[in-house]
Amino acid sequence: MKIEDVRRTAYSMPLTSPSYPKGPYKFFNREFFVVTYRTDMAALEKVVPEPLKVIEPIVKYEFIRMPDSTGFGDYTETGQVIPVELNGVKGGYVHSMYLDDEAPIAGGRELWGFPKKLARPSLKVESDTLVGTLHYGSVLVASATMGYKYAALDKAALHQSLLGPNWVIKIIPHVDGTTRVCELVEYYLEDITVQEAWTGPGALGLFPHALADVAKLPVLEVISAAHFRTDLTLGLGKVVHDYLKD
């Protein structure tokens, strides 16, 4: 393979067998279960990086079931999104992500900088209850429940809430172990269609784990629970802050 061939074809590792195809990355029948809860403000401020600003001590714990996505296939994901503000604009900072599929782990980390780690999340309906769990190995790390389709949510209002910006930190080390890339990346969900949206009584338990530290943002009070299905496109990002230069 000649140098010009490497330049022309290289976009992901491994060079001759990339872990995922090029986008766009579309998701069909993407199912969300989101528990919004109140946490400790001091704990939030320890994990949210400047120039993002914490608005209030709130966290959204999300389970996402993705049965049909271009390039990434069929997988389940879970993690924490923190409502924040950047230059007066409100959005969400993605603090943690755990999922069970190699392609979106590789693509998410390499392209956007999503904080993805391999684990075993699950989202399913058990009788009259929506149940989300996260196991890291054999250990239960998170457990969430919600009454199944108790009351309808306003789909238009939910759609509007999904249009705001989201932020992640992209970190790529140099070959000597120093940091080569450290950037705050902004991205959006696009082409969103909300198929259905529900709310109901919800509960969330987070349990300490050395390598899956979701419990470091403790649950002080569950505020709300939502369950909805969408079609959407995961937009590519743009760099809004370079920590190595600014």
Protein backbone atom coordinates (compact mmCIF):
# COMPACT_ATOMS: atom_id res chain seq x y z
CA MET A 1 0.00 0.00 0.00
CA LYS A 2 1.48 3.31 -1.08
CA ILE A 3 1.57 6.49 1.02
CA GLU A 4 -1.11 8.15 -1.10
CA ASP A 5 -3.33 5.09 -0.61
CA VAL A 6 -2.97 5.39 3.16
CA ARG A 7 -3.91 9.07 3.01
CA ARG A 8 -6.89 8.36 0.78
CA THR A 9 -8.38 5.45 2.74
CA ALA A 10 -7.48 6.06 6.39
CA TYR A 11 -10.36 7.29 8.54
CA SER A 12 -10.51 4.70 11.35
CA MET A 13 -8.49 1.88 12.84
CA PRO A 14 -7.58 -0.75 11.77
CA LEU A 15 -6.38 0.70 8.47
CA THR A 16 -7.54 -2.11 6.17
CA SER A 17 -10.57 -3.19 8.24
CA PRO A 18 -12.15 -0.17 9.98
CA SER A 19 -14.28 -0.79 13.05
CA TYR A 20 -17.19 1.21 11.61
CA PRO A 21 -18.23 2.74 8.27
CA LYS A 22 -18.38 6.42 7.40
CA GLY A 23 -21.56 8.30 8.29
CA PRO A 24 -24.17 9.61 8.33
CA TYR A 25 -25.21 7.66 11.40
CA LYS A 26 -28.97 7.15 11.46
CA PHE A 27 -31.02 5.50 14.19
CA PHE A 28 -34.45 3.99 13.73
CA ASN A 29 -36.87 3.18 16.57
CA ARG A 30 -34.35 4.50 19.12
CA GLU A 31 -35.84 3.98 22.58
CA PHE A 32 -34.98 6.22 25.55
CA PHE A 33 -35.63 5.74 29.27
CA VAL A 34 -34.49 8.86 31.14
CA VAL A 35 -34.62 9.38 34.90
CA THR A 36 -33.96 12.97 35.96
CA TYR A 37 -32.65 13.28 39.50
CA ARG A 38 -31.25 15.77 41.98
CA THR A 39 -27.66 15.23 43.13
CA ASP A 40 -24.90 16.89 45.17
CA MET A 41 -23.75 20.21 43.67
CA ALA A 42 -20.18 19.80 44.88
CA ALA A 43 -19.95 16.38 43.25
CA LEU A 44 -21.17 17.84 39.94
CA GLU A 45 -18.67 20.68 40.00
CA LYS A 46 -15.82 18.18 40.40
CA VAL A 47 -16.62 16.45 37.08
CA VAL A 48 -17.96 19.21 34.79
CA PRO A 49 -15.04 20.88 32.99
CA GLU A 50 -14.72 24.59 32.26
CA PRO A 51 -15.78 26.48 30.18
CA LEU A 52 -19.04 24.57 30.78
CA LYS A 53 -21.05 25.82 33.75
CA VAL A 54 -23.30 23.77 36.01
CA ILE A 55 -26.79 25.25 36.08
CA GLU A 56 -28.31 23.32 38.98
CA PRO A 57 -27.62 20.00 40.76
CA ILE A 58 -29.47 17.88 38.20
CA VAL A 59 -28.44 14.74 36.30
CA LYS A 60 -30.25 12.79 33.60
CA TYR A 61 -29.57 9.06 33.83
CA GLU A 62 -30.32 7.53 30.42
CA PHE A 63 -30.91 4.04 29.09
CA ILE A 64 -31.02 3.91 25.29
CA ARG A 65 -32.05 0.88 23.24
CA MET A 66 -30.83 1.07 19.62
CA PRO A 67 -32.14 -1.94 17.67
CA ASP A 68 -31.50 -0.52 14.19
CA SER A 69 -28.68 1.90 13.39
CA THR A 70 -26.60 2.40 10.26
CA GLY A 71 -23.05 1.17 10.73
CA PHE A 72 -23.32 0.50 14.44
CA GLY A 73 -25.98 -2.21 14.39
CA ASP A 74 -28.09 -3.34 17.36
CA TYR A 75 -26.97 -2.34 20.86
CA THR A 76 -27.93 -0.87 24.23
CA GLU A 77 -26.32 2.04 26.04
CA THR A 78 -26.61 3.81 29.37
CA GLY A 79 -24.99 6.74 31.15
CA GLN A 80 -25.25 10.20 32.66
CA VAL A 81 -25.91 13.55 30.98
CA ILE A 82 -25.53 16.74 33.03
CA PRO A 83 -27.50 19.89 32.12
CA VAL A 84 -24.95 22.69 31.64
CA GLU A 85 -24.48 26.05 29.96
CA LEU A 86 -21.84 27.34 27.52
CA ASN A 87 -21.72 31.06 26.70
CA GLY A 88 -25.31 31.45 27.82
CA VAL A 89 -26.60 28.50 25.77
CA LYS A 90 -28.10 25.55 27.66
CA GLY A 91 -27.37 21.96 26.69
CA GLY A 92 -26.07 18.67 28.04
CA TYR A 93 -22.59 17.44 29.01
CA VAL A 94 -22.16 13.70 28.45
CA HIS A 95 -20.36 12.50 31.56
CA SER A 96 -20.48 8.69 31.23
CA MET A 97 -21.51 6.04 28.70
CA TYR A 98 -21.58 2.24 28.98
CA LEU A 99 -22.55 -0.05 26.10
CA ASP A 100 -22.25 -3.54 24.67
CA ASP A 101 -21.06 -3.14 21.05
CA GLU A 102 -17.52 -2.58 19.77
CA ALA A 103 -18.34 -0.54 16.64
CA PRO A 104 -20.09 2.36 18.41
CA ILE A 105 -17.48 2.30 21.18
CA ALA A 106 -14.71 2.76 18.61
CA GLY A 107 -16.66 5.21 16.45
CA GLY A 108 -17.98 7.21 19.38
CA ARG A 109 -14.55 7.66 20.95
CA GLU A 110 -12.63 8.30 17.73
CA LEU A 111 -15.07 10.69 16.02
CA TRP A 112 -16.81 12.67 18.76
CA GLY A 113 -14.93 11.79 21.93
CA PHE A 114 -17.84 10.03 23.66
CA PRO A 115 -16.76 8.61 27.06
CA LYS A 116 -17.74 5.06 26.09
CA LYS A 117 -16.77 1.93 28.03
CA LEU A 118 -17.70 -1.71 27.48
CA ALA A 119 -20.34 -3.05 29.89
CA ARG A 120 -23.73 -4.84 29.93
CA PRO A 121 -26.72 -2.47 29.97
CA SER A 122 -30.27 -3.72 29.49
CA LEU A 123 -33.64 -2.11 28.80
CA LYS A 124 -36.84 -4.14 28.75
CA VAL A 125 -40.46 -4.30 29.88
CA GLU A 126 -41.30 -6.64 32.77
CA SER A 127 -45.08 -6.91 33.12
CA ASP A 128 -46.21 -3.36 34.03
CA THR A 129 -42.70 -1.97 34.61
CA LEU A 130 -39.99 -0.55 32.37
CA VAL A 131 -36.66 -1.82 33.71
CA GLY A 132 -33.16 -0.56 32.97
CA THR A 133 -30.03 -2.13 34.45
CA LEU A 134 -26.28 -1.75 34.08
CA HIS A 135 -23.87 -4.54 34.94
CA TYR A 136 -20.11 -4.03 34.77
CA GLY A 137 -18.97 -7.61 34.53
CA SER A 138 -21.11 -9.47 37.03
CA VAL A 139 -21.65 -6.45 39.29
CA LEU A 140 -24.88 -4.43 39.28
CA VAL A 141 -24.01 -0.74 38.94
CA ALA A 142 -27.38 0.89 38.14
CA SER A 143 -31.04 -0.11 38.35
CA ALA A 144 -33.97 2.03 37.17
CA THR A 145 -37.68 1.37 37.01
CA MET A 146 -40.72 3.24 35.69
CA GLY A 147 -44.40 2.53 35.47
CA TYR A 148 -45.00 1.49 31.85
CA LYS A 149 -46.86 4.09 29.78
CA TYR A 150 -48.72 5.65 32.69
CA ALA A 151 -49.38 9.01 31.02
CA ALA A 152 -48.62 10.60 27.66
CA LEU A 153 -46.00 13.33 27.34
CA ASP A 154 -46.24 16.33 25.00
CA LYS A 155 -44.33 15.09 21.93
CA ALA A 156 -43.79 18.60 20.56
CA ALA A 157 -42.24 19.80 23.81
CA LEU A 158 -40.05 16.70 24.01
CA HIS A 159 -38.95 17.19 20.41
CA GLN A 160 -37.92 20.77 21.21
CA SER A 161 -35.90 19.62 24.22
CA LEU A 162 -33.88 17.25 22.03
CA LEU A 163 -32.73 20.01 19.66
CA GLY A 164 -30.22 21.67 21.98
CA PRO A 165 -26.44 21.26 21.89
CA ASN A 166 -24.53 18.49 23.61
CA TRP A 167 -20.88 18.49 24.65
CA VAL A 168 -18.17 15.88 25.19
CA ILE A 169 -14.43 15.98 25.81
CA LYS A 170 -12.34 14.29 23.11
CA ILE A 171 -9.00 13.01 24.42
CA ILE A 172 -6.38 11.28 22.26
CA PRO A 173 -2.95 10.45 23.72
CA HIS A 174 0.36 10.80 21.89
CA VAL A 175 2.60 7.76 21.38
CA ASP A 176 4.66 8.79 24.42
CA GLY A 177 1.58 8.83 26.64
CA THR A 178 1.20 12.61 26.75
CA THR A 179 -2.01 14.28 25.60
CA ARG A 180 -2.10 15.01 21.87
CA VAL A 181 -5.76 16.05 21.55
CA CYS A 182 -7.93 17.48 24.32
CA GLU A 183 -10.96 19.30 22.94
CA LEU A 184 -14.48 20.23 23.93
CA VAL A 185 -16.71 18.98 21.10
CA GLU A 186 -20.26 20.17 20.40
CA TYR A 187 -22.79 18.03 18.54
CA TYR A 188 -26.53 17.91 17.85
CA LEU A 189 -29.24 15.33 17.24
CA GLU A 190 -30.74 15.90 13.78
CA ASP A 191 -33.77 14.82 11.70
CA ILE A 192 -35.66 13.91 14.87
CA THR A 193 -39.06 12.24 14.72
CA VAL A 194 -40.72 11.49 18.07
CA GLN A 195 -42.93 8.42 17.65
CA GLU A 196 -44.31 8.20 21.19
CA ALA A 197 -43.56 9.67 24.61
CA TRP A 198 -44.65 8.63 28.10
CA THR A 199 -44.09 9.40 31.76
CA GLY A 200 -44.82 7.62 35.00
CA PRO A 201 -43.51 6.98 38.52
CA GLY A 202 -39.78 6.33 38.47
CA ALA A 203 -36.99 5.08 40.70
CA LEU A 204 -33.20 4.91 40.32
CA GLY A 205 -30.47 3.18 42.32
CA LEU A 206 -26.74 3.69 41.68
CA PHE A 207 -24.15 1.43 43.31
CA PRO A 208 -20.41 2.04 43.87
CA HIS A 209 -17.94 0.41 41.50
CA ALA A 210 -14.22 1.07 41.11
CA LEU A 211 -14.33 1.32 37.30
CA ALA A 212 -17.94 2.39 36.65
CA ASP A 213 -18.32 5.38 38.92
CA VAL A 214 -21.90 6.51 38.21
CA ALA A 215 -22.63 6.46 41.96
CA LYS A 216 -20.23 9.37 42.50
CA LEU A 217 -23.16 11.54 41.40
CA PRO A 218 -25.54 10.25 44.07
CA VAL A 219 -29.32 10.12 43.77
CA LEU A 220 -30.80 12.51 46.33
CA GLU A 221 -34.26 12.80 44.76
CA VAL A 222 -35.91 11.45 41.62
CA ILE A 223 -37.59 14.35 39.82
CA SER A 224 -39.16 12.67 36.79
CA ALA A 225 -39.04 9.71 34.43
CA ALA A 226 -39.64 9.62 30.68
CA HIS A 227 -39.88 6.87 28.07
CA PHE A 228 -39.92 7.70 24.36
CA ARG A 229 -39.09 6.35 20.91
CA THR A 230 -37.53 8.31 18.06
CA ASP A 231 -35.91 8.20 14.67
CA LEU A 232 -32.89 10.51 14.40
CA THR A 233 -29.48 11.21 12.92
CA LEU A 234 -26.46 11.65 15.18
CA GLY A 235 -24.79 14.78 13.83
CA LEU A 236 -21.02 15.06 13.59
CA GLY A 237 -19.31 17.50 15.91
CA LYS A 238 -17.30 20.70 15.94
CA VAL A 239 -14.53 21.80 18.30
CA VAL A 240 -15.61 24.69 20.55
CA HIS A 241 -12.62 24.73 22.94
CA ASP A 242 -9.06 23.41 22.62
CA TYR A 243 -7.66 22.74 26.11
CA LEU A 244 -4.09 22.54 24.77
CA LYS A 245 -4.22 25.98 23.16
CA ASP A 246 -6.83 28.13 24.92
